[in-house]
Amino acid sequence: MLKRYMIERDIPGVGALTKDQLRGAADTSNAALCKLGPAVQWQQSFVTKDKTFCIYLAENEDVIREHAKISGFPANTITEIGGIIDPTTAGA
């Protein structure tokens, strides 16, 4: 069973990358994911000035570290997500 993780990546200047540069980064990440098979899946990433916060599904933290090694993107902090809440949680 895959667990959900938040990966914080320190990438100075990432927020200033062009759409084409971000596309290239996504291509690099996707190529690494292909090498690792179904043990890890990228859901989405949030880009800030000097960091990305990525949501992944993975068997464990080790496969996320391997993705970081293959792709060349740092995985400075890996945190398992234990649950999700949103505004609708208040009415549940």
N, C-alpha and C. Protein backbone atom coordinates (compact mmCIF):
# COMPACT_ATOMS: atom_id res chain seq x y z
N MET A 1 0.85 -1.19 0.00
CA MET A 1 0.00 0.00 0.00
C MET A 1 0.89 1.25 0.00
N LEU A 2 0.54 2.19 -0.83
CA LEU A 2 1.32 3.42 -0.91
C LEU A 2 0.87 4.40 0.16
N LYS A 3 1.83 5.11 0.73
CA LYS A 3 1.57 6.15 1.72
C LYS A 3 1.75 7.51 1.04
N ARG A 4 1.13 8.53 1.59
CA ARG A 4 1.23 9.89 1.04
C ARG A 4 2.32 10.66 1.81
N TYR A 5 3.16 11.35 1.03
CA TYR A 5 4.27 12.12 1.61
C TYR A 5 4.29 13.54 1.06
N MET A 6 4.78 14.46 1.89
CA MET A 6 5.11 15.82 1.47
C MET A 6 6.63 15.90 1.42
N ILE A 7 7.17 16.32 0.27
CA ILE A 7 8.61 16.48 0.12
C ILE A 7 8.90 17.96 -0.05
N GLU A 8 9.73 18.49 0.83
CA GLU A 8 10.18 19.88 0.73
C GLU A 8 11.53 19.88 0.03
N ARG A 9 11.60 20.63 -1.07
CA ARG A 9 12.84 20.70 -1.84
C ARG A 9 13.35 22.14 -1.84
N ASP A 10 14.56 22.34 -1.35
CA ASP A 10 15.20 23.66 -1.41
C ASP A 10 15.84 23.81 -2.79
N ILE A 11 15.26 24.67 -3.61
CA ILE A 11 15.77 24.91 -4.97
C ILE A 11 15.80 26.42 -5.18
N PRO A 12 16.92 27.08 -4.85
CA PRO A 12 16.99 28.53 -4.98
C PRO A 12 16.58 29.01 -6.38
N GLY A 13 15.67 30.00 -6.41
CA GLY A 13 15.24 30.59 -7.67
C GLY A 13 14.19 29.82 -8.44
N VAL A 14 13.68 28.71 -7.89
CA VAL A 14 12.72 27.88 -8.63
C VAL A 14 11.47 28.67 -9.02
N GLY A 15 11.08 29.63 -8.21
CA GLY A 15 9.89 30.42 -8.51
C GLY A 15 10.04 31.31 -9.73
N ALA A 16 11.27 31.56 -10.16
CA ALA A 16 11.52 32.41 -11.32
C ALA A 16 11.69 31.60 -12.61
N LEU A 17 11.58 30.28 -12.53
CA LEU A 17 11.73 29.46 -13.73
C LEU A 17 10.59 29.71 -14.71
N THR A 18 10.91 29.62 -15.99
CA THR A 18 9.90 29.79 -17.02
C THR A 18 9.04 28.54 -17.13
N LYS A 19 7.96 28.65 -17.87
CA LYS A 19 7.09 27.50 -18.10
C LYS A 19 7.87 26.37 -18.78
N ASP A 20 8.73 26.71 -19.73
CA ASP A 20 9.54 25.69 -20.41
C ASP A 20 10.53 25.03 -19.46
N GLN A 21 11.12 25.81 -18.57
CA GLN A 21 12.06 25.24 -17.60
C GLN A 21 11.34 24.32 -16.61
N LEU A 22 10.14 24.71 -16.19
CA LEU A 22 9.35 23.85 -15.30
C LEU A 22 8.93 22.57 -16.04
N ARG A 23 8.61 22.69 -17.32
CA ARG A 23 8.28 21.52 -18.12
C ARG A 23 9.47 20.56 -18.17
N GLY A 24 10.66 21.12 -18.34
CA GLY A 24 11.88 20.29 -18.35
C GLY A 24 12.10 19.59 -17.03
N ALA A 25 11.83 20.30 -15.92
CA ALA A 25 11.97 19.70 -14.60
C ALA A 25 10.96 18.56 -14.44
N ALA A 26 9.74 18.76 -14.92
CA ALA A 26 8.72 17.71 -14.84
C ALA A 26 9.14 16.51 -15.68
N ASP A 27 9.71 16.76 -16.86
CA ASP A 27 10.20 15.66 -17.71
C ASP A 27 11.28 14.85 -16.99
N THR A 28 12.20 15.56 -16.33
CA THR A 28 13.27 14.89 -15.58
C THR A 28 12.70 14.03 -14.45
N SER A 29 11.73 14.59 -13.73
CA SER A 29 11.10 13.86 -12.64
C SER A 29 10.36 12.63 -13.18
N ASN A 30 9.63 12.81 -14.27
CA ASN A 30 8.87 11.70 -14.85
C ASN A 30 9.79 10.57 -15.32
N ALA A 31 10.94 10.93 -15.87
CA ALA A 31 11.91 9.91 -16.31
C ALA A 31 12.40 9.10 -15.11
N ALA A 32 12.66 9.77 -13.99
CA ALA A 32 13.09 9.06 -12.79
C ALA A 32 11.97 8.17 -12.27
N LEU A 33 10.74 8.65 -12.31
CA LEU A 33 9.60 7.85 -11.86
C LEU A 33 9.46 6.58 -12.69
N CYS A 34 9.68 6.68 -13.99
CA CYS A 34 9.60 5.51 -14.88
C CYS A 34 10.61 4.44 -14.48
N LYS A 35 11.79 4.87 -14.06
CA LYS A 35 12.82 3.91 -13.64
C LYS A 35 12.44 3.19 -12.35
N LEU A 36 11.65 3.85 -11.51
CA LEU A 36 11.32 3.29 -10.21
C LEU A 36 10.03 2.47 -10.23
N GLY A 37 9.29 2.56 -11.30
CA GLY A 37 8.07 1.76 -11.42
C GLY A 37 6.95 2.23 -10.51
N PRO A 38 6.06 1.32 -10.17
CA PRO A 38 4.86 1.70 -9.41
C PRO A 38 5.09 1.97 -7.92
N ALA A 39 6.33 1.90 -7.46
CA ALA A 39 6.62 2.11 -6.04
C ALA A 39 6.49 3.57 -5.63
N VAL A 40 6.41 4.49 -6.61
CA VAL A 40 6.32 5.92 -6.30
C VAL A 40 5.53 6.62 -7.39
N GLN A 41 4.68 7.55 -6.98
CA GLN A 41 3.87 8.34 -7.91
C GLN A 41 3.88 9.79 -7.48
N TRP A 42 4.03 10.68 -8.44
CA TRP A 42 4.01 12.12 -8.18
C TRP A 42 2.59 12.61 -8.38
N GLN A 43 2.02 13.29 -7.39
CA GLN A 43 0.68 13.82 -7.52
C GLN A 43 0.68 15.28 -7.97
N GLN A 44 1.41 16.12 -7.26
CA GLN A 44 1.49 17.53 -7.62
C GLN A 44 2.57 18.21 -6.82
N SER A 45 2.95 19.41 -7.28
CA SER A 45 3.94 20.21 -6.57
C SER A 45 3.49 21.65 -6.51
N PHE A 46 3.85 22.31 -5.43
CA PHE A 46 3.57 23.72 -5.23
C PHE A 46 4.91 24.45 -5.27
N VAL A 47 5.01 25.46 -6.12
CA VAL A 47 6.26 26.17 -6.33
C VAL A 47 6.21 27.51 -5.61
N THR A 48 7.23 27.77 -4.78
CA THR A 48 7.39 29.07 -4.13
C THR A 48 8.69 29.69 -4.64
N LYS A 49 9.09 30.78 -4.04
CA LYS A 49 10.29 31.49 -4.51
C LYS A 49 11.52 30.59 -4.57
N ASP A 50 11.82 29.90 -3.49
CA ASP A 50 13.05 29.10 -3.41
C ASP A 50 12.83 27.65 -2.97
N LYS A 51 11.59 27.18 -3.07
CA LYS A 51 11.29 25.81 -2.64
C LYS A 51 10.16 25.25 -3.49
N THR A 52 10.09 23.92 -3.52
CA THR A 52 8.88 23.26 -3.98
C THR A 52 8.41 22.36 -2.85
N PHE A 53 7.11 22.19 -2.78
CA PHE A 53 6.48 21.27 -1.83
C PHE A 53 5.71 20.28 -2.68
N CYS A 54 6.15 19.04 -2.67
CA CYS A 54 5.64 18.02 -3.59
C CYS A 54 4.86 16.96 -2.82
N ILE A 55 3.75 16.54 -3.41
CA ILE A 55 2.96 15.46 -2.84
C ILE A 55 3.22 14.21 -3.67
N TYR A 56 3.66 13.17 -2.99
CA TYR A 56 3.97 11.89 -3.64
C TYR A 56 3.24 10.77 -2.91
N LEU A 57 2.91 9.73 -3.66
CA LEU A 57 2.49 8.46 -3.08
C LEU A 57 3.69 7.54 -3.25
N ALA A 58 4.05 6.83 -2.18
CA ALA A 58 5.24 5.98 -2.25
C ALA A 58 5.14 4.84 -1.24
N GLU A 59 5.87 3.78 -1.54
CA GLU A 59 5.93 2.64 -0.62
C GLU A 59 6.60 3.03 0.69
N ASN A 60 7.65 3.88 0.59
CA ASN A 60 8.40 4.29 1.78
C ASN A 60 9.29 5.48 1.43
N GLU A 61 9.95 6.02 2.43
CA GLU A 61 10.83 7.18 2.22
C GLU A 61 12.04 6.84 1.36
N ASP A 62 12.51 5.61 1.43
CA ASP A 62 13.69 5.23 0.66
C ASP A 62 13.48 5.40 -0.84
N VAL A 63 12.30 5.05 -1.34
CA VAL A 63 12.05 5.20 -2.77
C VAL A 63 11.99 6.69 -3.16
N ILE A 64 11.55 7.53 -2.25
CA ILE A 64 11.56 8.98 -2.51
C ILE A 64 13.00 9.48 -2.57
N ARG A 65 13.83 8.99 -1.68
CA ARG A 65 15.25 9.37 -1.71
C ARG A 65 15.92 8.89 -3.01
N GLU A 66 15.54 7.71 -3.47
CA GLU A 66 16.09 7.19 -4.73
C GLU A 66 15.63 8.06 -5.90
N HIS A 67 14.38 8.49 -5.88
CA HIS A 67 13.89 9.40 -6.93
C HIS A 67 14.72 10.69 -6.91
N ALA A 68 14.99 11.23 -5.73
CA ALA A 68 15.79 12.45 -5.61
C ALA A 68 17.19 12.24 -6.19
N LYS A 69 17.77 11.09 -5.90
CA LYS A 69 19.12 10.77 -6.40
C LYS A 69 19.12 10.68 -7.93
N ILE A 70 18.14 9.97 -8.49
CA ILE A 70 18.09 9.79 -9.94
C ILE A 70 17.78 11.11 -10.65
N SER A 71 16.83 11.87 -10.12
CA SER A 71 16.38 13.11 -10.78
C SER A 71 17.34 14.27 -10.57
N GLY A 72 18.09 14.23 -9.47
CA GLY A 72 18.97 15.35 -9.16
C GLY A 72 18.28 16.45 -8.37
N PHE A 73 17.02 16.24 -8.00
CA PHE A 73 16.29 17.22 -7.19
C PHE A 73 16.41 16.85 -5.72
N PRO A 74 16.73 17.79 -4.85
CA PRO A 74 16.89 17.46 -3.43
C PRO A 74 15.57 17.05 -2.79
N ALA A 75 15.65 16.25 -1.77
CA ALA A 75 14.50 15.92 -0.92
C ALA A 75 14.93 16.30 0.49
N ASN A 76 14.92 17.60 0.78
CA ASN A 76 15.45 18.11 2.05
C ASN A 76 14.66 17.61 3.25
N THR A 77 13.35 17.57 3.12
CA THR A 77 12.50 17.08 4.20
C THR A 77 11.43 16.18 3.60
N ILE A 78 11.29 15.00 4.15
CA ILE A 78 10.24 14.06 3.72
C ILE A 78 9.36 13.80 4.94
N THR A 79 8.07 14.09 4.79
CA THR A 79 7.13 13.94 5.89
C THR A 79 5.95 13.09 5.45
N GLU A 80 5.68 12.02 6.18
CA GLU A 80 4.49 11.22 5.87
C GLU A 80 3.25 12.00 6.29
N ILE A 81 2.25 12.02 5.42
CA ILE A 81 1.00 12.72 5.68
C ILE A 81 0.04 11.73 6.33
N GLY A 82 -0.43 12.07 7.52
CA GLY A 82 -1.30 11.17 8.26
C GLY A 82 -2.77 11.35 7.99
N GLY A 83 -3.14 12.49 7.42
CA GLY A 83 -4.54 12.76 7.14
C GLY A 83 -4.67 14.06 6.38
N ILE A 84 -5.85 14.29 5.87
CA ILE A 84 -6.13 15.51 5.11
C ILE A 84 -7.42 16.12 5.64
N ILE A 85 -7.39 17.42 5.86
CA ILE A 85 -8.62 18.15 6.22
C ILE A 85 -8.77 19.31 5.24
N ASP A 86 -9.98 19.77 5.09
CA ASP A 86 -10.28 20.93 4.27
C ASP A 86 -11.52 21.60 4.86
N PRO A 87 -12.02 22.67 4.25
CA PRO A 87 -13.17 23.35 4.84
C PRO A 87 -14.40 22.46 5.05
N THR A 88 -14.55 21.44 4.22
CA THR A 88 -15.72 20.57 4.37
C THR A 88 -15.62 19.65 5.61
N THR A 89 -14.42 19.54 6.17
CA THR A 89 -14.23 18.72 7.36
C THR A 89 -15.08 19.26 8.52
N ALA A 90 -15.26 20.57 8.56
CA ALA A 90 -16.03 21.20 9.64
C ALA A 90 -17.48 20.73 9.66
N GLY A 91 -18.03 20.40 8.50
CA GLY A 91 -19.42 19.99 8.43
C GLY A 91 -19.62 18.49 8.43
N ALA A 92 -18.53 17.75 8.50
CA ALA A 92 -18.65 16.28 8.42
C ALA A 92 -19.11 15.67 9.72
